[in-house]
All heavy atoms as atom14 arrays in JSON, in Angstrom:
{
  "sequence": "SKEIRIELTEDEAWVLFEFTRRISDSEKLTILDQAEERALWNLCC",
  "atom14_mask": [
    [1, 1, 1, 1, 1, 1, 0, 0, 0, 0, 0, 0, 0, 0],
    [1, 1, 1, 1, 1, 1, 1, 1, 1, 0, 0, 0, 0, 0],
    [1, 1, 1, 1, 1, 1, 1, 1, 1, 0, 0, 0, 0, 0],
    [1, 1, 1, 1, 1, 1, 1, 1, 0, 0, 0, 0, 0, 0],
    [1, 1, 1, 1, 1, 1, 1, 1, 1, 1, 1, 0, 0, 0],
    [1, 1, 1, 1, 1, 1, 1, 1, 0, 0, 0, 0, 0, 0],
    [1, 1, 1, 1, 1, 1, 1, 1, 1, 0, 0, 0, 0, 0],
    [1, 1, 1, 1, 1, 1, 1, 1, 0, 0, 0, 0, 0, 0],
    [1, 1, 1, 1, 1, 1, 1, 0, 0, 0, 0, 0, 0, 0],
    [1, 1, 1, 1, 1, 1, 1, 1, 1, 0, 0, 0, 0, 0],
    [1, 1, 1, 1, 1, 1, 1, 1, 0, 0, 0, 0, 0, 0],
    [1, 1, 1, 1, 1, 1, 1, 1, 1, 0, 0, 0, 0, 0],
    [1, 1, 1, 1, 1, 0, 0, 0, 0, 0, 0, 0, 0, 0],
    [1, 1, 1, 1, 1, 1, 1, 1, 1, 1, 1, 1, 1, 1],
    [1, 1, 1, 1, 1, 1, 1, 0, 0, 0, 0, 0, 0, 0],
    [1, 1, 1, 1, 1, 1, 1, 1, 0, 0, 0, 0, 0, 0],
    [1, 1, 1, 1, 1, 1, 1, 1, 1, 1, 1, 0, 0, 0],
    [1, 1, 1, 1, 1, 1, 1, 1, 1, 0, 0, 0, 0, 0],
    [1, 1, 1, 1, 1, 1, 1, 1, 1, 1, 1, 0, 0, 0],
    [1, 1, 1, 1, 1, 1, 1, 0, 0, 0, 0, 0, 0, 0],
    [1, 1, 1, 1, 1, 1, 1, 1, 1, 1, 1, 0, 0, 0],
    [1, 1, 1, 1, 1, 1, 1, 1, 1, 1, 1, 0, 0, 0],
    [1, 1, 1, 1, 1, 1, 1, 1, 0, 0, 0, 0, 0, 0],
    [1, 1, 1, 1, 1, 1, 0, 0, 0, 0, 0, 0, 0, 0],
    [1, 1, 1, 1, 1, 1, 1, 1, 0, 0, 0, 0, 0, 0],
    [1, 1, 1, 1, 1, 1, 0, 0, 0, 0, 0, 0, 0, 0],
    [1, 1, 1, 1, 1, 1, 1, 1, 1, 0, 0, 0, 0, 0],
    [1, 1, 1, 1, 1, 1, 1, 1, 1, 0, 0, 0, 0, 0],
    [1, 1, 1, 1, 1, 1, 1, 1, 0, 0, 0, 0, 0, 0],
    [1, 1, 1, 1, 1, 1, 1, 0, 0, 0, 0, 0, 0, 0],
    [1, 1, 1, 1, 1, 1, 1, 1, 0, 0, 0, 0, 0, 0],
    [1, 1, 1, 1, 1, 1, 1, 1, 0, 0, 0, 0, 0, 0],
    [1, 1, 1, 1, 1, 1, 1, 1, 0, 0, 0, 0, 0, 0],
    [1, 1, 1, 1, 1, 1, 1, 1, 1, 0, 0, 0, 0, 0],
    [1, 1, 1, 1, 1, 0, 0, 0, 0, 0, 0, 0, 0, 0],
    [1, 1, 1, 1, 1, 1, 1, 1, 1, 0, 0, 0, 0, 0],
    [1, 1, 1, 1, 1, 1, 1, 1, 1, 0, 0, 0, 0, 0],
    [1, 1, 1, 1, 1, 1, 1, 1, 1, 1, 1, 0, 0, 0],
    [1, 1, 1, 1, 1, 0, 0, 0, 0, 0, 0, 0, 0, 0],
    [1, 1, 1, 1, 1, 1, 1, 1, 0, 0, 0, 0, 0, 0],
    [1, 1, 1, 1, 1, 1, 1, 1, 1, 1, 1, 1, 1, 1],
    [1, 1, 1, 1, 1, 1, 1, 1, 0, 0, 0, 0, 0, 0],
    [1, 1, 1, 1, 1, 1, 1, 1, 0, 0, 0, 0, 0, 0],
    [1, 1, 1, 1, 1, 1, 0, 0, 0, 0, 0, 0, 0, 0],
    [1, 1, 1, 1, 1, 1, 0, 0, 0, 0, 0, 0, 0, 0]
  ],
  "atom14_positions": [
    [[14.38, -97.76, 117.89], [14.1, -97.79, 119.36], [12.65, -97.29, 119.58], [12.18, -96.33, 118.84], [15.11, -96.95, 120.07], [16.35, -97.4, 119.97], [0.0, 0.0, 0.0], [0.0, 0.0, 0.0], [0.0, 0.0, 0.0], [0.0, 0.0, 0.0], [0.0, 0.0, 0.0], [0.0, 0.0, 0.0], [0.0, 0.0, 0.0], [0.0, 0.0, 0.0]],
    [[12.13, -97.67, 120.58], [10.76, -97.21, 121.0], [11.04, -95.9, 121.82], [12.05, -95.6, 122.37], [10.1, -98.16, 122.0], [9.73, -99.49, 121.36], [9.1, -100.35, 122.43], [8.87, -101.76, 121.79], [8.15, -102.65, 122.86], [0.0, 0.0, 0.0], [0.0, 0.0, 0.0], [0.0, 0.0, 0.0], [0.0, 0.0, 0.0], [0.0, 0.0, 0.0]],
    [[9.99, -95.01, 121.76], [10.04, -93.74, 122.33], [9.66, -93.88, 123.92], [8.77, -94.61, 124.15], [9.27, -92.72, 121.78], [9.27, -91.38, 122.24], [8.41, -90.37, 121.46], [8.83, -90.1, 120.29], [7.49, -89.89, 121.98], [0.0, 0.0, 0.0], [0.0, 0.0, 0.0], [0.0, 0.0, 0.0], [0.0, 0.0, 0.0], [0.0, 0.0, 0.0]],
    [[10.38, -93.3, 124.86], [9.95, -93.34, 126.23], [9.86, -91.86, 126.62], [10.78, -91.03, 126.33], [11.1, -93.99, 127.07], [11.17, -95.53, 126.64], [10.82, -93.87, 128.54], [12.26, -96.2, 127.39], [0.0, 0.0, 0.0], [0.0, 0.0, 0.0], [0.0, 0.0, 0.0], [0.0, 0.0, 0.0], [0.0, 0.0, 0.0], [0.0, 0.0, 0.0]],
    [[8.81, -91.57, 127.3], [8.6, -90.19, 127.82], [8.82, -90.27, 129.3], [8.39, -91.02, 130.09], [7.07, -89.77, 127.57], [6.83, -89.72, 126.03], [5.52, -89.19, 125.85], [5.15, -89.26, 124.44], [5.5, -88.32, 123.46], [6.18, -87.24, 123.84], [5.17, -88.48, 122.24], [0.0, 0.0, 0.0], [0.0, 0.0, 0.0], [0.0, 0.0, 0.0]],
    [[9.51, -89.17, 129.72], [9.76, -89.02, 131.16], [9.3, -87.58, 131.57], [9.14, -86.75, 130.79], [11.19, -89.15, 131.57], [12.12, -88.11, 130.83], [11.74, -90.55, 131.31], [13.49, -88.16, 131.28], [0.0, 0.0, 0.0], [0.0, 0.0, 0.0], [0.0, 0.0, 0.0], [0.0, 0.0, 0.0], [0.0, 0.0, 0.0], [0.0, 0.0, 0.0]],
    [[8.95, -87.5, 132.85], [8.46, -86.2, 133.39], [9.51, -85.71, 134.39], [10.03, -86.39, 135.2], [7.1, -86.3, 134.02], [6.03, -86.67, 133.08], [4.64, -86.67, 133.74], [4.5, -85.98, 134.71], [3.81, -87.3, 133.17], [0.0, 0.0, 0.0], [0.0, 0.0, 0.0], [0.0, 0.0, 0.0], [0.0, 0.0, 0.0], [0.0, 0.0, 0.0]],
    [[9.79, -84.37, 134.24], [10.7, -83.68, 135.17], [9.97, -82.52, 135.72], [9.07, -81.96, 135.08], [11.95, -83.27, 134.39], [12.82, -84.2, 133.65], [13.78, -83.44, 132.85], [13.42, -85.16, 134.65], [0.0, 0.0, 0.0], [0.0, 0.0, 0.0], [0.0, 0.0, 0.0], [0.0, 0.0, 0.0], [0.0, 0.0, 0.0], [0.0, 0.0, 0.0]],
    [[10.39, -82.14, 136.91], [9.85, -80.79, 137.34], [10.55, -79.71, 136.56], [11.52, -80.03, 135.91], [10.13, -80.66, 138.88], [11.62, -80.43, 138.97], [9.7, -81.81, 139.75], [0.0, 0.0, 0.0], [0.0, 0.0, 0.0], [0.0, 0.0, 0.0], [0.0, 0.0, 0.0], [0.0, 0.0, 0.0], [0.0, 0.0, 0.0], [0.0, 0.0, 0.0]],
    [[10.02, -78.57, 136.64], [10.54, -77.47, 135.83], [11.93, -77.17, 136.33], [12.88, -76.97, 135.58], [9.72, -76.24, 135.91], [10.19, -75.06, 135.01], [9.11, -73.95, 135.08], [8.11, -73.91, 135.83], [9.41, -73.01, 134.23], [0.0, 0.0, 0.0], [0.0, 0.0, 0.0], [0.0, 0.0, 0.0], [0.0, 0.0, 0.0], [0.0, 0.0, 0.0]],
    [[12.1, -77.21, 137.73], [13.49, -77.02, 138.36], [14.51, -78.01, 137.87], [15.59, -77.74, 137.52], [13.39, -77.04, 139.78], [12.64, -75.84, 140.4], [12.55, -74.77, 139.62], [12.27, -75.79, 141.49], [0.0, 0.0, 0.0], [0.0, 0.0, 0.0], [0.0, 0.0, 0.0], [0.0, 0.0, 0.0], [0.0, 0.0, 0.0], [0.0, 0.0, 0.0]],
    [[14.03, -79.34, 137.76], [14.95, -80.42, 137.37], [15.34, -80.15, 135.9], [16.49, -80.33, 135.52], [14.22, -81.82, 137.46], [14.15, -82.27, 138.8], [13.23, -83.43, 139.02], [12.37, -83.61, 138.16], [13.4, -84.19, 140.0], [0.0, 0.0, 0.0], [0.0, 0.0, 0.0], [0.0, 0.0, 0.0], [0.0, 0.0, 0.0], [0.0, 0.0, 0.0]],
    [[14.35, -79.78, 135.08], [14.66, -79.59, 133.6], [15.66, -78.42, 133.37], [16.61, -78.6, 132.62], [13.38, -79.21, 132.9], [0.0, 0.0, 0.0], [0.0, 0.0, 0.0], [0.0, 0.0, 0.0], [0.0, 0.0, 0.0], [0.0, 0.0, 0.0], [0.0, 0.0, 0.0], [0.0, 0.0, 0.0], [0.0, 0.0, 0.0], [0.0, 0.0, 0.0]],
    [[15.43, -77.3, 134.17], [16.4, -76.26, 133.95], [17.74, -76.48, 134.41], [18.79, -76.14, 133.79], [15.76, -74.94, 134.63], [14.76, -74.29, 133.8], [13.47, -74.25, 134.01], [14.96, -73.54, 132.58], [12.79, -73.51, 133.04], [13.74, -73.12, 132.06], [16.2, -73.28, 131.81], [13.6, -72.36, 130.92], [15.99, -72.64, 130.69], [14.75, -72.12, 130.27]],
    [[17.89, -77.18, 135.64], [19.13, -77.59, 136.18], [19.88, -78.46, 135.22], [21.06, -78.36, 134.99], [19.02, -78.12, 137.59], [20.27, -78.63, 138.02], [18.57, -76.98, 138.57], [0.0, 0.0, 0.0], [0.0, 0.0, 0.0], [0.0, 0.0, 0.0], [0.0, 0.0, 0.0], [0.0, 0.0, 0.0], [0.0, 0.0, 0.0], [0.0, 0.0, 0.0]],
    [[19.1, -79.42, 134.76], [19.79, -80.49, 133.82], [20.13, -79.81, 132.46], [21.16, -80.12, 131.89], [18.81, -81.65, 133.59], [18.82, -82.58, 134.86], [17.66, -83.58, 134.67], [20.16, -83.29, 135.08], [0.0, 0.0, 0.0], [0.0, 0.0, 0.0], [0.0, 0.0, 0.0], [0.0, 0.0, 0.0], [0.0, 0.0, 0.0], [0.0, 0.0, 0.0]],
    [[19.3, -78.89, 132.01], [19.54, -78.17, 130.8], [20.85, -77.44, 130.97], [21.79, -77.56, 130.04], [18.49, -77.24, 130.39], [18.87, -76.18, 129.27], [18.9, -76.72, 127.98], [19.1, -74.99, 129.63], [19.32, -75.76, 126.99], [19.52, -74.0, 128.62], [19.68, -74.5, 127.25], [0.0, 0.0, 0.0], [0.0, 0.0, 0.0], [0.0, 0.0, 0.0]],
    [[20.99, -76.69, 131.98], [22.28, -75.88, 132.18], [23.48, -76.73, 132.34], [24.59, -76.49, 131.86], [22.05, -74.97, 133.45], [23.31, -74.14, 133.81], [23.82, -73.28, 132.71], [23.03, -72.95, 131.76], [25.07, -72.93, 132.68], [0.0, 0.0, 0.0], [0.0, 0.0, 0.0], [0.0, 0.0, 0.0], [0.0, 0.0, 0.0], [0.0, 0.0, 0.0]],
    [[23.36, -77.84, 133.07], [24.35, -78.85, 133.26], [24.83, -79.4, 131.93], [26.02, -79.39, 131.65], [23.83, -80.0, 134.21], [24.87, -81.03, 134.56], [25.96, -80.77, 135.34], [24.66, -82.26, 134.04], [26.82, -81.7, 135.69], [25.55, -83.31, 134.34], [26.69, -83.03, 135.16], [0.0, 0.0, 0.0], [0.0, 0.0, 0.0], [0.0, 0.0, 0.0]],
    [[23.91, -79.87, 131.15], [24.31, -80.43, 129.87], [24.82, -79.41, 128.87], [25.71, -79.73, 128.03], [23.08, -81.21, 129.21], [22.05, -80.38, 129.1], [22.75, -82.47, 130.06], [0.0, 0.0, 0.0], [0.0, 0.0, 0.0], [0.0, 0.0, 0.0], [0.0, 0.0, 0.0], [0.0, 0.0, 0.0], [0.0, 0.0, 0.0], [0.0, 0.0, 0.0]],
    [[24.35, -78.19, 128.98], [24.83, -77.16, 128.1], [26.3, -76.83, 128.44], [27.07, -76.74, 127.57], [24.04, -75.82, 128.17], [24.4, -74.76, 127.21], [23.98, -73.37, 127.71], [24.58, -73.08, 129.07], [25.81, -72.71, 129.21], [26.66, -72.64, 128.38], [26.2, -72.4, 130.55], [0.0, 0.0, 0.0], [0.0, 0.0, 0.0], [0.0, 0.0, 0.0]],
    [[26.53, -76.75, 129.75], [27.92, -76.53, 130.17], [28.86, -77.6, 129.82], [29.96, -77.38, 129.3], [27.98, -76.31, 131.71], [29.25, -75.77, 132.16], [29.28, -75.46, 133.61], [29.16, -76.69, 134.48], [28.07, -77.0, 135.18], [27.07, -76.21, 135.34], [28.03, -78.18, 135.87], [0.0, 0.0, 0.0], [0.0, 0.0, 0.0], [0.0, 0.0, 0.0]],
    [[28.38, -78.88, 129.89], [29.22, -80.05, 129.49], [29.51, -79.94, 128.01], [30.58, -80.25, 127.53], [28.52, -81.37, 129.92], [28.54, -81.54, 131.44], [29.29, -82.48, 129.27], [27.66, -82.64, 132.0], [0.0, 0.0, 0.0], [0.0, 0.0, 0.0], [0.0, 0.0, 0.0], [0.0, 0.0, 0.0], [0.0, 0.0, 0.0], [0.0, 0.0, 0.0]],
    [[28.49, -79.69, 127.28], [28.63, -79.57, 125.81], [29.6, -78.49, 125.37], [30.42, -78.78, 124.46], [27.32, -79.32, 125.12], [26.39, -80.35, 125.31], [0.0, 0.0, 0.0], [0.0, 0.0, 0.0], [0.0, 0.0, 0.0], [0.0, 0.0, 0.0], [0.0, 0.0, 0.0], [0.0, 0.0, 0.0], [0.0, 0.0, 0.0], [0.0, 0.0, 0.0]],
    [[29.58, -77.41, 126.05], [30.5, -76.28, 125.74], [32.0, -76.52, 126.19], [32.89, -76.17, 125.48], [30.04, -74.96, 126.44], [28.72, -74.45, 125.75], [28.37, -74.98, 124.66], [28.11, -73.57, 126.33], [0.0, 0.0, 0.0], [0.0, 0.0, 0.0], [0.0, 0.0, 0.0], [0.0, 0.0, 0.0], [0.0, 0.0, 0.0], [0.0, 0.0, 0.0]],
    [[32.09, -77.25, 127.32], [33.47, -77.36, 127.87], [34.02, -78.77, 127.59], [35.25, -78.98, 127.75], [33.42, -77.17, 129.39], [32.77, -78.13, 130.09], [0.0, 0.0, 0.0], [0.0, 0.0, 0.0], [0.0, 0.0, 0.0], [0.0, 0.0, 0.0], [0.0, 0.0, 0.0], [0.0, 0.0, 0.0], [0.0, 0.0, 0.0], [0.0, 0.0, 0.0]],
    [[33.13, -79.74, 127.35], [33.54, -81.17, 127.21], [34.12, -81.68, 128.52], [35.02, -82.62, 128.42], [34.44, -81.35, 126.03], [33.81, -81.07, 124.78], [34.66, -81.35, 123.49], [35.73, -81.96, 123.63], [34.3, -80.97, 122.43], [0.0, 0.0, 0.0], [0.0, 0.0, 0.0], [0.0, 0.0, 0.0], [0.0, 0.0, 0.0], [0.0, 0.0, 0.0]],
    [[33.73, -81.08, 129.63], [34.22, -81.52, 130.88], [33.03, -81.77, 131.84], [32.06, -80.96, 131.86], [35.13, -80.39, 131.57], [36.44, -80.33, 130.91], [37.22, -79.24, 131.63], [38.51, -78.98, 130.85], [39.35, -77.91, 131.45], [0.0, 0.0, 0.0], [0.0, 0.0, 0.0], [0.0, 0.0, 0.0], [0.0, 0.0, 0.0], [0.0, 0.0, 0.0]],
    [[32.93, -82.91, 132.44], [31.93, -83.25, 133.36], [32.32, -82.77, 134.77], [33.06, -83.4, 135.53], [31.73, -84.74, 133.39], [30.5, -85.33, 134.26], [29.29, -84.64, 134.0], [30.47, -86.74, 134.2], [0.0, 0.0, 0.0], [0.0, 0.0, 0.0], [0.0, 0.0, 0.0], [0.0, 0.0, 0.0], [0.0, 0.0, 0.0], [0.0, 0.0, 0.0]],
    [[31.73, -81.69, 135.22], [31.97, -81.02, 136.45], [30.63, -80.7, 137.06], [29.83, -79.9, 136.5], [32.9, -79.88, 136.34], [34.03, -80.25, 135.76], [33.26, -79.31, 137.72], [0.0, 0.0, 0.0], [0.0, 0.0, 0.0], [0.0, 0.0, 0.0], [0.0, 0.0, 0.0], [0.0, 0.0, 0.0], [0.0, 0.0, 0.0], [0.0, 0.0, 0.0]],
    [[30.4, -81.1, 138.26], [29.32, -80.75, 139.08], [29.62, -79.47, 139.88], [30.49, -79.46, 140.75], [28.67, -81.88, 139.97], [28.28, -83.06, 139.03], [27.57, -81.4, 140.92], [27.77, -84.19, 139.77], [0.0, 0.0, 0.0], [0.0, 0.0, 0.0], [0.0, 0.0, 0.0], [0.0, 0.0, 0.0], [0.0, 0.0, 0.0], [0.0, 0.0, 0.0]],
    [[28.92, -78.35, 139.56], [29.21, -77.08, 140.23], [28.39, -76.92, 141.48], [28.68, -76.18, 142.34], [29.13, -75.93, 139.3], [30.05, -75.89, 138.21], [29.83, -74.6, 137.31], [31.56, -75.82, 138.63], [0.0, 0.0, 0.0], [0.0, 0.0, 0.0], [0.0, 0.0, 0.0], [0.0, 0.0, 0.0], [0.0, 0.0, 0.0], [0.0, 0.0, 0.0]],
    [[27.26, -77.55, 141.53], [26.28, -77.27, 142.59], [25.56, -78.57, 142.93], [25.36, -79.42, 142.09], [25.24, -76.33, 142.01], [24.36, -75.73, 143.22], [23.47, -76.54, 143.62], [24.59, -74.58, 143.61], [0.0, 0.0, 0.0], [0.0, 0.0, 0.0], [0.0, 0.0, 0.0], [0.0, 0.0, 0.0], [0.0, 0.0, 0.0], [0.0, 0.0, 0.0]],
    [[25.32, -78.79, 144.3], [24.65, -80.04, 144.69], [23.3, -80.28, 143.99], [22.8, -81.36, 143.79], [24.51, -80.04, 146.19], [24.09, -81.33, 146.83], [22.74, -81.73, 146.76], [21.81, -80.82, 146.88], [22.38, -82.98, 146.65], [0.0, 0.0, 0.0], [0.0, 0.0, 0.0], [0.0, 0.0, 0.0], [0.0, 0.0, 0.0], [0.0, 0.0, 0.0]],
    [[22.65, -79.18, 143.5], [21.43, -79.21, 142.9], [21.55, -80.0, 141.55], [20.62, -80.72, 141.16], [20.74, -77.95, 142.58], [0.0, 0.0, 0.0], [0.0, 0.0, 0.0], [0.0, 0.0, 0.0], [0.0, 0.0, 0.0], [0.0, 0.0, 0.0], [0.0, 0.0, 0.0], [0.0, 0.0, 0.0], [0.0, 0.0, 0.0], [0.0, 0.0, 0.0]],
    [[22.68, -79.88, 140.83], [22.98, -80.64, 139.69], [23.0, -82.19, 140.0], [22.46, -83.06, 139.22], [24.26, -80.15, 139.02], [24.12, -78.78, 138.42], [25.46, -78.27, 138.02], [26.55, -78.75, 138.24], [25.49, -77.08, 137.41], [0.0, 0.0, 0.0], [0.0, 0.0, 0.0], [0.0, 0.0, 0.0], [0.0, 0.0, 0.0], [0.0, 0.0, 0.0]],
    [[23.76, -82.51, 141.08], [23.81, -83.89, 141.42], [22.47, -84.4, 141.81], [22.06, -85.55, 141.37], [24.78, -83.99, 142.68], [25.11, -85.38, 143.12], [26.1, -85.33, 144.19], [26.1, -84.5, 145.13], [27.05, -86.19, 144.04], [0.0, 0.0, 0.0], [0.0, 0.0, 0.0], [0.0, 0.0, 0.0], [0.0, 0.0, 0.0], [0.0, 0.0, 0.0]],
    [[21.68, -83.65, 142.61], [20.3, -84.11, 142.88], [19.45, -84.29, 141.7], [18.71, -85.28, 141.58], [19.62, -83.09, 143.86], [18.17, -83.21, 144.07], [17.7, -84.61, 144.52], [18.4, -85.01, 145.8], [18.29, -86.14, 146.25], [17.8, -87.16, 145.6], [18.96, -86.56, 147.41], [0.0, 0.0, 0.0], [0.0, 0.0, 0.0], [0.0, 0.0, 0.0]],
    [[19.58, -83.4, 140.65], [18.76, -83.49, 139.46], [19.17, -84.77, 138.75], [18.27, -85.42, 138.14], [18.95, -82.24, 138.57], [0.0, 0.0, 0.0], [0.0, 0.0, 0.0], [0.0, 0.0, 0.0], [0.0, 0.0, 0.0], [0.0, 0.0, 0.0], [0.0, 0.0, 0.0], [0.0, 0.0, 0.0], [0.0, 0.0, 0.0], [0.0, 0.0, 0.0]],
    [[20.44, -85.04, 138.7], [20.93, -86.32, 138.01], [20.32, -87.58, 138.78], [19.92, -88.55, 138.07], [22.41, -86.33, 137.94], [23.03, -85.35, 136.93], [24.51, -85.32, 137.05], [22.61, -85.79, 135.5], [0.0, 0.0, 0.0], [0.0, 0.0, 0.0], [0.0, 0.0, 0.0], [0.0, 0.0, 0.0], [0.0, 0.0, 0.0], [0.0, 0.0, 0.0]],
    [[20.4, -87.5, 140.07], [19.91, -88.6, 140.88], [18.44, -88.88, 140.55], [17.88, -90.01, 140.36], [20.15, -88.43, 142.41], [21.47, -88.56, 142.86], [22.6, -89.11, 142.21], [22.04, -87.98, 144.02], [23.74, -88.97, 142.95], [23.41, -88.3, 144.09], [21.41, -87.18, 145.08], [24.26, -87.88, 145.16], [22.27, -86.83, 146.11], [23.62, -87.21, 146.09]],
    [[17.65, -87.74, 140.56], [16.27, -87.79, 140.29], [15.97, -88.35, 138.92], [15.02, -89.16, 138.59], [15.56, -86.49, 140.36], [15.55, -85.94, 141.86], [15.94, -86.6, 142.75], [15.18, -84.68, 142.03], [0.0, 0.0, 0.0], [0.0, 0.0, 0.0], [0.0, 0.0, 0.0], [0.0, 0.0, 0.0], [0.0, 0.0, 0.0], [0.0, 0.0, 0.0]],
    [[16.73, -87.85, 137.89], [16.66, -88.42, 136.54], [16.94, -89.86, 136.46], [16.2, -90.68, 135.84], [17.68, -87.67, 135.6], [17.53, -87.99, 134.16], [16.17, -87.84, 133.51], [18.6, -87.18, 133.39], [0.0, 0.0, 0.0], [0.0, 0.0, 0.0], [0.0, 0.0, 0.0], [0.0, 0.0, 0.0], [0.0, 0.0, 0.0], [0.0, 0.0, 0.0]],
    [[17.87, -90.36, 137.21], [18.2, -91.85, 137.26], [16.96, -92.61, 137.88], [16.63, -93.62, 137.33], [19.42, -92.12, 138.11], [21.01, -91.71, 137.21], [0.0, 0.0, 0.0], [0.0, 0.0, 0.0], [0.0, 0.0, 0.0], [0.0, 0.0, 0.0], [0.0, 0.0, 0.0], [0.0, 0.0, 0.0], [0.0, 0.0, 0.0], [0.0, 0.0, 0.0]],
    [[16.41, -91.99, 138.86], [15.17, -92.62, 139.43], [14.01, -92.67, 138.41], [13.31, -93.82, 138.3], [14.73, -91.86, 140.71], [15.85, -92.09, 142.08], [0.0, 0.0, 0.0], [0.0, 0.0, 0.0], [0.0, 0.0, 0.0], [0.0, 0.0, 0.0], [0.0, 0.0, 0.0], [0.0, 0.0, 0.0], [0.0, 0.0, 0.0], [0.0, 0.0, 0.0]]
  ]
}
């Protein structure tokens, strides 16, 4: 696969890091804060 680079704001990166860390630890996909949802929407964009 080719490499693709994306840019995130520092806030987006930290929120997504914590979100993915929590999912990895619990194996449950749960959004605890609207900021996590916003970060995921931004990532999709």
